[in-house]
Amino acid sequence: MDGNKKRNRYKRIYTQLASLLTKSNDYEAHMATVIAILHHKIDYFFWTGFYFIKKGELIVKMYQGPVACQELKKDVGVCWKCINYEQTIIVKDVKKFGGHITCDSRSKSEIAIPFRNKNGEIIGALDIDSKTLNSFDEIDSIELEKILNLI
């Protein structure tokens, strides 16, 4: 997808979410809405969901797509890397990522974005997989970070 088309799609999604998220003050409702909109509006998103830190592990919360790994072992995988480095991680080919956790063998590329609470502390990650190699780029990173700030 060309960059302008991708940016415009995210802009429309952002506007829609900004409107929808005013209908409740519940952050879990906001997360569920963000996941549903992203998963169904962006065709290359195969699995879209949140993992939250709990007792030293990442535990899956709301998501759309096939069944997920329920727990991710500490300091292993793309989500933990984004949390530990406190930055978005883009993986063009999951087979080339050392320590990748395979929840579904159809996933080929991935992006993980740290998710922060109101105090700025990282409490989890937004994780998105694609069935296609090289699906994610800097545009996805920038736009998804903006969307997370709506929550």
N, C-alpha and C. Protein backbone atom coordinates (compact mmCIF):
# COMPACT_ATOMS: atom_id res chain seq x y z
N MET A 1 0.86 -1.17 0.00
CA MET A 1 0.00 0.00 0.00
C MET A 1 0.91 1.24 0.00
N ASP A 2 0.57 2.19 -0.83
CA ASP A 2 1.41 3.40 -0.89
C ASP A 2 1.25 4.23 0.38
N GLY A 3 2.28 5.00 0.71
CA GLY A 3 2.34 5.74 1.96
C GLY A 3 1.19 6.71 2.18
N ASN A 4 0.82 7.45 1.13
CA ASN A 4 -0.28 8.42 1.27
C ASN A 4 -1.61 7.72 1.55
N LYS A 5 -1.84 6.63 0.84
CA LYS A 5 -3.08 5.88 1.05
C LYS A 5 -3.13 5.34 2.49
N LYS A 6 -2.00 4.84 2.96
CA LYS A 6 -1.93 4.31 4.32
C LYS A 6 -2.16 5.42 5.35
N ARG A 7 -1.51 6.55 5.18
CA ARG A 7 -1.70 7.68 6.11
C ARG A 7 -3.15 8.13 6.14
N ASN A 8 -3.77 8.22 4.96
CA ASN A 8 -5.17 8.65 4.89
C ASN A 8 -6.10 7.65 5.58
N ARG A 9 -5.82 6.36 5.43
CA ARG A 9 -6.64 5.36 6.10
C ARG A 9 -6.52 5.52 7.62
N TYR A 10 -5.30 5.67 8.10
CA TYR A 10 -5.11 5.88 9.54
C TYR A 10 -5.78 7.17 10.01
N LYS A 11 -5.73 8.20 9.21
CA LYS A 11 -6.36 9.47 9.58
C LYS A 11 -7.87 9.27 9.76
N ARG A 12 -8.51 8.54 8.83
CA ARG A 12 -9.94 8.26 8.95
C ARG A 12 -10.24 7.43 10.20
N ILE A 13 -9.40 6.43 10.46
CA ILE A 13 -9.59 5.58 11.64
C ILE A 13 -9.43 6.40 12.91
N TYR A 14 -8.42 7.26 12.95
CA TYR A 14 -8.18 8.11 14.12
C TYR A 14 -9.41 8.98 14.40
N THR A 15 -9.94 9.59 13.36
CA THR A 15 -11.12 10.46 13.51
C THR A 15 -12.31 9.66 14.03
N GLN A 16 -12.51 8.46 13.48
CA GLN A 16 -13.61 7.61 13.93
C GLN A 16 -13.43 7.23 15.40
N LEU A 17 -12.23 6.83 15.77
CA LEU A 17 -11.98 6.43 17.15
C LEU A 17 -12.10 7.60 18.12
N ALA A 18 -11.61 8.76 17.72
CA ALA A 18 -11.70 9.94 18.59
C ALA A 18 -13.17 10.23 18.93
N SER A 19 -14.05 10.00 17.99
CA SER A 19 -15.47 10.20 18.23
C SER A 19 -16.06 9.08 19.09
N LEU A 20 -15.74 7.83 18.76
CA LEU A 20 -16.29 6.68 19.49
C LEU A 20 -15.85 6.64 20.95
N LEU A 21 -14.62 7.02 21.22
CA LEU A 21 -14.09 6.88 22.56
C LEU A 21 -14.60 7.92 23.54
N THR A 22 -15.42 8.84 23.07
CA THR A 22 -16.05 9.81 23.98
C THR A 22 -17.31 9.23 24.62
N LYS A 23 -17.75 8.08 24.16
CA LYS A 23 -19.02 7.51 24.61
C LYS A 23 -18.90 6.74 25.93
N SER A 24 -17.67 6.57 26.41
CA SER A 24 -17.44 5.86 27.67
C SER A 24 -16.17 6.39 28.31
N ASN A 25 -16.09 6.28 29.64
CA ASN A 25 -14.87 6.63 30.35
C ASN A 25 -14.05 5.40 30.71
N ASP A 26 -14.50 4.23 30.30
CA ASP A 26 -13.85 2.98 30.67
C ASP A 26 -12.72 2.66 29.69
N TYR A 27 -11.50 2.58 30.19
CA TYR A 27 -10.37 2.36 29.30
C TYR A 27 -10.38 0.97 28.65
N GLU A 28 -10.97 -0.02 29.32
CA GLU A 28 -11.07 -1.35 28.69
C GLU A 28 -12.05 -1.32 27.52
N ALA A 29 -13.12 -0.56 27.65
CA ALA A 29 -14.04 -0.39 26.52
C ALA A 29 -13.32 0.32 25.38
N HIS A 30 -12.48 1.28 25.72
CA HIS A 30 -11.70 1.98 24.70
C HIS A 30 -10.75 1.02 23.99
N MET A 31 -10.05 0.19 24.76
CA MET A 31 -9.12 -0.77 24.15
C MET A 31 -9.85 -1.74 23.23
N ALA A 32 -10.97 -2.26 23.68
CA ALA A 32 -11.73 -3.21 22.86
C ALA A 32 -12.20 -2.55 21.57
N THR A 33 -12.63 -1.30 21.65
CA THR A 33 -13.08 -0.58 20.46
C THR A 33 -11.92 -0.34 19.50
N VAL A 34 -10.77 0.07 20.03
CA VAL A 34 -9.59 0.29 19.19
C VAL A 34 -9.21 -0.99 18.46
N ILE A 35 -9.19 -2.10 19.18
CA ILE A 35 -8.82 -3.39 18.58
C ILE A 35 -9.80 -3.76 17.47
N ALA A 36 -11.08 -3.65 17.73
CA ALA A 36 -12.08 -4.02 16.73
C ALA A 36 -11.96 -3.16 15.48
N ILE A 37 -11.85 -1.85 15.65
CA ILE A 37 -11.75 -0.96 14.49
C ILE A 37 -10.49 -1.26 13.69
N LEU A 38 -9.34 -1.32 14.37
CA LEU A 38 -8.09 -1.58 13.66
C LEU A 38 -8.14 -2.91 12.90
N HIS A 39 -8.59 -3.94 13.60
CA HIS A 39 -8.58 -5.28 13.01
C HIS A 39 -9.47 -5.37 11.76
N HIS A 40 -10.58 -4.68 11.79
CA HIS A 40 -11.52 -4.80 10.67
C HIS A 40 -11.34 -3.74 9.59
N LYS A 41 -10.57 -2.69 9.87
CA LYS A 41 -10.39 -1.62 8.89
C LYS A 41 -9.06 -1.71 8.14
N ILE A 42 -8.11 -2.45 8.68
CA ILE A 42 -6.81 -2.56 8.01
C ILE A 42 -6.63 -4.01 7.58
N ASP A 43 -6.66 -4.21 6.28
CA ASP A 43 -6.76 -5.56 5.73
C ASP A 43 -5.55 -6.45 5.98
N TYR A 44 -4.39 -5.92 6.26
CA TYR A 44 -3.23 -6.77 6.49
C TYR A 44 -3.02 -7.11 7.98
N PHE A 45 -3.93 -6.67 8.85
CA PHE A 45 -3.87 -7.04 10.26
C PHE A 45 -4.51 -8.42 10.42
N PHE A 46 -3.72 -9.40 10.82
CA PHE A 46 -4.17 -10.79 10.99
C PHE A 46 -4.56 -11.07 12.45
N TRP A 47 -3.78 -10.54 13.36
CA TRP A 47 -4.06 -10.66 14.79
C TRP A 47 -3.78 -9.30 15.41
N THR A 48 -4.73 -8.81 16.22
CA THR A 48 -4.63 -7.46 16.78
C THR A 48 -5.07 -7.53 18.24
N GLY A 49 -4.17 -7.20 19.16
CA GLY A 49 -4.57 -7.30 20.55
C GLY A 49 -3.61 -6.69 21.54
N PHE A 50 -4.01 -6.74 22.80
CA PHE A 50 -3.23 -6.20 23.90
C PHE A 50 -2.72 -7.32 24.80
N TYR A 51 -1.48 -7.17 25.24
CA TYR A 51 -0.91 -7.98 26.31
C TYR A 51 -0.62 -7.03 27.46
N PHE A 52 -0.90 -7.46 28.70
CA PHE A 52 -0.65 -6.65 29.88
C PHE A 52 0.33 -7.36 30.82
N ILE A 53 1.17 -6.56 31.45
CA ILE A 53 2.13 -7.10 32.41
C ILE A 53 1.38 -7.48 33.68
N LYS A 54 1.60 -8.73 34.12
CA LYS A 54 0.98 -9.21 35.36
C LYS A 54 1.91 -10.25 35.97
N LYS A 55 2.40 -9.95 37.16
CA LYS A 55 3.29 -10.87 37.88
C LYS A 55 4.47 -11.32 37.03
N GLY A 56 5.09 -10.39 36.32
CA GLY A 56 6.29 -10.70 35.56
C GLY A 56 6.07 -11.37 34.23
N GLU A 57 4.83 -11.54 33.83
CA GLU A 57 4.52 -12.14 32.53
C GLU A 57 3.60 -11.20 31.76
N LEU A 58 3.52 -11.44 30.48
CA LEU A 58 2.54 -10.72 29.67
C LEU A 58 1.35 -11.63 29.46
N ILE A 59 0.18 -11.13 29.82
CA ILE A 59 -1.07 -11.88 29.74
C ILE A 59 -1.95 -11.25 28.66
N VAL A 60 -2.49 -12.07 27.78
CA VAL A 60 -3.35 -11.55 26.72
C VAL A 60 -4.62 -11.00 27.33
N LYS A 61 -5.09 -9.91 26.77
CA LYS A 61 -6.37 -9.32 27.17
C LYS A 61 -7.28 -9.34 25.94
N MET A 62 -7.88 -8.21 25.59
CA MET A 62 -8.79 -8.22 24.45
C MET A 62 -8.00 -8.30 23.14
N TYR A 63 -8.58 -9.06 22.19
CA TYR A 63 -7.95 -9.19 20.88
C TYR A 63 -8.96 -9.64 19.84
N GLN A 64 -8.55 -9.51 18.58
CA GLN A 64 -9.32 -9.98 17.43
C GLN A 64 -8.37 -10.84 16.60
N GLY A 65 -8.88 -11.94 16.10
CA GLY A 65 -8.07 -12.85 15.29
C GLY A 65 -8.10 -14.24 15.88
N PRO A 66 -7.20 -15.12 15.39
CA PRO A 66 -7.18 -16.50 15.91
C PRO A 66 -6.74 -16.54 17.37
N VAL A 67 -6.93 -17.71 17.99
CA VAL A 67 -6.58 -17.89 19.39
C VAL A 67 -5.13 -17.49 19.62
N ALA A 68 -4.90 -16.77 20.72
CA ALA A 68 -3.58 -16.22 21.03
C ALA A 68 -2.89 -17.04 22.10
N CYS A 69 -1.57 -16.82 22.24
CA CYS A 69 -0.85 -17.33 23.40
C CYS A 69 -1.41 -16.57 24.60
N GLN A 70 -1.78 -17.28 25.64
CA GLN A 70 -2.38 -16.62 26.80
C GLN A 70 -1.36 -15.91 27.66
N GLU A 71 -0.16 -16.49 27.77
CA GLU A 71 0.92 -15.89 28.55
C GLU A 71 2.20 -15.89 27.74
N LEU A 72 2.97 -14.81 27.86
CA LEU A 72 4.27 -14.72 27.20
C LEU A 72 5.35 -14.67 28.26
N LYS A 73 6.27 -15.60 28.20
CA LYS A 73 7.35 -15.69 29.17
C LYS A 73 8.17 -14.40 29.21
N LYS A 74 8.59 -14.02 30.41
CA LYS A 74 9.33 -12.77 30.62
C LYS A 74 10.56 -12.67 29.71
N ASP A 75 10.70 -11.49 29.10
CA ASP A 75 11.86 -11.11 28.30
C ASP A 75 12.06 -11.94 27.03
N VAL A 76 11.00 -12.56 26.54
CA VAL A 76 11.07 -13.32 25.29
C VAL A 76 10.04 -12.75 24.32
N GLY A 77 10.42 -12.60 23.06
CA GLY A 77 9.48 -12.20 22.03
C GLY A 77 9.46 -10.70 21.75
N VAL A 78 8.68 -10.35 20.74
CA VAL A 78 8.60 -8.98 20.24
C VAL A 78 7.95 -8.05 21.26
N CYS A 79 6.88 -8.50 21.91
CA CYS A 79 6.20 -7.64 22.89
C CYS A 79 7.12 -7.27 24.04
N TRP A 80 7.84 -8.24 24.58
CA TRP A 80 8.75 -7.92 25.68
C TRP A 80 9.86 -6.99 25.21
N LYS A 81 10.32 -7.18 23.97
CA LYS A 81 11.38 -6.29 23.48
C LYS A 81 10.87 -4.85 23.42
N CYS A 82 9.65 -4.64 22.95
CA CYS A 82 9.12 -3.28 22.89
C CYS A 82 8.98 -2.69 24.29
N ILE A 83 8.61 -3.51 25.26
CA ILE A 83 8.48 -3.04 26.63
C ILE A 83 9.86 -2.74 27.22
N ASN A 84 10.79 -3.66 27.07
CA ASN A 84 12.12 -3.49 27.65
C ASN A 84 12.89 -2.32 27.03
N TYR A 85 12.70 -2.09 25.74
CA TYR A 85 13.39 -0.99 25.05
C TYR A 85 12.55 0.30 25.06
N GLU A 86 11.30 0.19 25.55
CA GLU A 86 10.38 1.32 25.64
C GLU A 86 10.18 2.02 24.30
N GLN A 87 10.04 1.20 23.25
CA GLN A 87 9.81 1.76 21.91
C GLN A 87 9.12 0.73 21.02
N THR A 88 8.52 1.24 19.97
CA THR A 88 7.86 0.38 19.01
C THR A 88 8.90 -0.49 18.31
N ILE A 89 8.55 -1.76 18.13
CA ILE A 89 9.42 -2.71 17.44
C ILE A 89 8.68 -3.22 16.20
N ILE A 90 9.34 -3.10 15.05
CA ILE A 90 8.80 -3.61 13.80
C ILE A 90 9.64 -4.80 13.37
N VAL A 91 8.99 -5.92 13.10
CA VAL A 91 9.67 -7.12 12.65
C VAL A 91 9.15 -7.45 11.25
N LYS A 92 10.02 -7.31 10.27
CA LYS A 92 9.65 -7.53 8.87
C LYS A 92 9.41 -9.01 8.56
N ASP A 93 10.18 -9.89 9.23
CA ASP A 93 10.08 -11.34 9.03
C ASP A 93 10.29 -12.00 10.39
N VAL A 94 9.22 -12.56 10.96
CA VAL A 94 9.31 -13.11 12.31
C VAL A 94 10.29 -14.29 12.40
N LYS A 95 10.54 -14.97 11.29
CA LYS A 95 11.48 -16.10 11.31
C LYS A 95 12.92 -15.63 11.53
N LYS A 96 13.17 -14.35 11.27
CA LYS A 96 14.51 -13.80 11.45
C LYS A 96 14.67 -13.08 12.79
N PHE A 97 13.63 -13.13 13.63
CA PHE A 97 13.67 -12.48 14.94
C PHE A 97 13.99 -13.53 15.99
N GLY A 98 15.18 -13.43 16.57
CA GLY A 98 15.58 -14.38 17.61
C GLY A 98 14.65 -14.32 18.80
N GLY A 99 14.15 -15.46 19.22
CA GLY A 99 13.26 -15.50 20.38
C GLY A 99 11.80 -15.21 20.06
N HIS A 100 11.46 -15.19 18.76
CA HIS A 100 10.06 -14.94 18.40
C HIS A 100 9.17 -16.04 18.99
N ILE A 101 8.05 -15.63 19.54
CA ILE A 101 7.07 -16.57 20.09
C ILE A 101 6.01 -16.80 19.02
N THR A 102 5.89 -18.03 18.58
CA THR A 102 4.93 -18.35 17.53
C THR A 102 3.62 -18.82 18.15
N CYS A 103 2.64 -17.94 18.13
CA CYS A 103 1.30 -18.32 18.59
C CYS A 103 0.49 -18.90 17.44
N ASP A 104 0.77 -18.44 16.22
CA ASP A 104 0.10 -18.94 15.02
C ASP A 104 1.12 -18.92 13.89
N SER A 105 1.36 -20.06 13.30
CA SER A 105 2.41 -20.19 12.28
C SER A 105 2.12 -19.38 11.02
N ARG A 106 0.90 -18.88 10.87
CA ARG A 106 0.58 -18.07 9.69
C ARG A 106 1.12 -16.64 9.79
N SER A 107 1.50 -16.21 10.98
CA SER A 107 2.03 -14.86 11.16
C SER A 107 3.42 -14.77 10.53
N LYS A 108 3.62 -13.72 9.74
CA LYS A 108 4.89 -13.54 9.02
C LYS A 108 5.63 -12.28 9.44
N SER A 109 4.90 -11.22 9.83
CA SER A 109 5.53 -9.98 10.29
C SER A 109 4.71 -9.45 11.46
N GLU A 110 5.34 -8.51 12.20
CA GLU A 110 4.71 -8.09 13.46
C GLU A 110 5.16 -6.68 13.84
N ILE A 111 4.29 -6.00 14.57
CA ILE A 111 4.63 -4.72 15.19
C ILE A 111 4.10 -4.76 16.61
N ALA A 112 4.91 -4.25 17.55
CA ALA A 112 4.49 -4.16 18.95
C ALA A 112 4.80 -2.76 19.45
N ILE A 113 3.82 -2.15 20.11
CA ILE A 113 3.92 -0.78 20.59
C ILE A 113 3.69 -0.78 22.10
N PRO A 114 4.60 -0.18 22.89
CA PRO A 114 4.37 -0.11 24.34
C PRO A 114 3.07 0.64 24.64
N PHE A 115 2.34 0.14 25.63
CA PHE A 115 1.10 0.77 26.06
C PHE A 115 1.31 1.32 27.46
N ARG A 116 1.02 2.62 27.62
CA ARG A 116 1.29 3.30 28.89
C ARG A 116 -0.02 3.69 29.59
N ASN A 117 0.05 3.74 30.91
CA ASN A 117 -1.09 4.24 31.68
C ASN A 117 -1.04 5.77 31.71
N LYS A 118 -1.97 6.38 32.44
CA LYS A 118 -2.05 7.85 32.51
C LYS A 118 -0.80 8.49 33.09
N ASN A 119 -0.05 7.73 33.90
CA ASN A 119 1.17 8.24 34.52
C ASN A 119 2.40 8.04 33.65
N GLY A 120 2.21 7.48 32.45
CA GLY A 120 3.33 7.27 31.54
C GLY A 120 4.09 5.98 31.76
N GLU A 121 3.61 5.14 32.69
CA GLU A 121 4.28 3.86 32.96
C GLU A 121 3.81 2.82 31.94
N ILE A 122 4.75 2.03 31.44
CA ILE A 122 4.39 0.97 30.50
C ILE A 122 3.70 -0.15 31.27
N ILE A 123 2.50 -0.49 30.83
CA ILE A 123 1.71 -1.54 31.50
C ILE A 123 1.42 -2.72 30.57
N GLY A 124 1.83 -2.59 29.30
CA GLY A 124 1.58 -3.67 28.35
C GLY A 124 2.01 -3.28 26.96
N ALA A 125 1.44 -3.98 25.98
CA ALA A 125 1.80 -3.73 24.59
C ALA A 125 0.61 -3.99 23.68
N LEU A 126 0.52 -3.17 22.63
CA LEU A 126 -0.38 -3.45 21.52
C LEU A 126 0.44 -4.30 20.55
N ASP A 127 -0.06 -5.45 20.19
CA ASP A 127 0.64 -6.39 19.33
C ASP A 127 -0.21 -6.65 18.09
N ILE A 128 0.41 -6.53 16.92
CA ILE A 128 -0.32 -6.77 15.68
C ILE A 128 0.54 -7.65 14.78
N ASP A 129 -0.07 -8.71 14.26
CA ASP A 129 0.60 -9.63 13.34
C ASP A 129 -0.04 -9.54 11.96
N SER A 130 0.75 -9.89 10.96
CA SER A 130 0.27 -9.95 9.58
C SER A 130 0.67 -11.29 8.97
N LYS A 131 -0.13 -11.77 8.04
CA LYS A 131 0.20 -13.01 7.33
C LYS A 131 1.16 -12.76 6.17
N THR A 132 1.57 -11.51 5.99
CA THR A 132 2.44 -11.13 4.89
C THR A 132 3.76 -10.58 5.43
N LEU A 133 4.86 -10.91 4.79
CA LEU A 133 6.16 -10.35 5.16
C LEU A 133 6.16 -8.84 4.92
N ASN A 134 6.94 -8.11 5.70
CA ASN A 134 7.18 -6.67 5.49
C ASN A 134 5.90 -5.83 5.49
N SER A 135 4.94 -6.19 6.31
CA SER A 135 3.67 -5.45 6.31
C SER A 135 3.76 -4.10 7.00
N PHE A 136 4.65 -3.97 7.99
CA PHE A 136 4.65 -2.79 8.85
C PHE A 136 5.85 -1.89 8.57
N ASP A 137 5.61 -0.58 8.73
CA ASP A 137 6.68 0.39 8.49
C ASP A 137 6.52 1.56 9.46
N GLU A 138 7.28 2.60 9.23
CA GLU A 138 7.29 3.78 10.10
C GLU A 138 5.91 4.44 10.17
N ILE A 139 5.16 4.40 9.08
CA ILE A 139 3.81 4.99 9.09
C ILE A 139 2.94 4.26 10.11
N ASP A 140 2.96 2.93 10.09
CA ASP A 140 2.19 2.15 11.07
C ASP A 140 2.62 2.53 12.48
N SER A 141 3.92 2.61 12.70
CA SER A 141 4.45 2.94 14.02
C SER A 141 3.92 4.29 14.51
N ILE A 142 4.08 5.31 13.72
CA ILE A 142 3.65 6.67 14.10
C ILE A 142 2.15 6.73 14.34
N GLU A 143 1.39 6.18 13.43
CA GLU A 143 -0.07 6.27 13.52
C GLU A 143 -0.65 5.43 14.66
N LEU A 144 -0.10 4.25 14.87
CA LEU A 144 -0.60 3.42 15.96
C LEU A 144 -0.25 4.02 17.31
N GLU A 145 0.90 4.66 17.42
CA GLU A 145 1.25 5.35 18.67
C GLU A 145 0.26 6.48 18.94
N LYS A 146 -0.15 7.21 17.91
CA LYS A 146 -1.15 8.27 18.08
C LYS A 146 -2.48 7.69 18.55
N ILE A 147 -2.87 6.58 17.95
CA ILE A 147 -4.14 5.94 18.31
C ILE A 147 -4.11 5.49 19.77
N LEU A 148 -3.00 4.92 20.22
CA LEU A 148 -2.91 4.49 21.61
C LEU A 148 -3.08 5.67 22.57
N ASN A 149 -2.63 6.83 22.17
CA ASN A 149 -2.78 8.02 23.03
C ASN A 149 -4.24 8.42 23.22
N LEU A 150 -5.12 7.96 22.35
CA LEU A 150 -6.55 8.25 22.51
C LEU A 150 -7.15 7.51 23.71
N ILE A 151 -6.58 6.38 24.04
CA ILE A 151 -7.13 5.53 25.12
C ILE A 151 -6.87 6.20 26.45
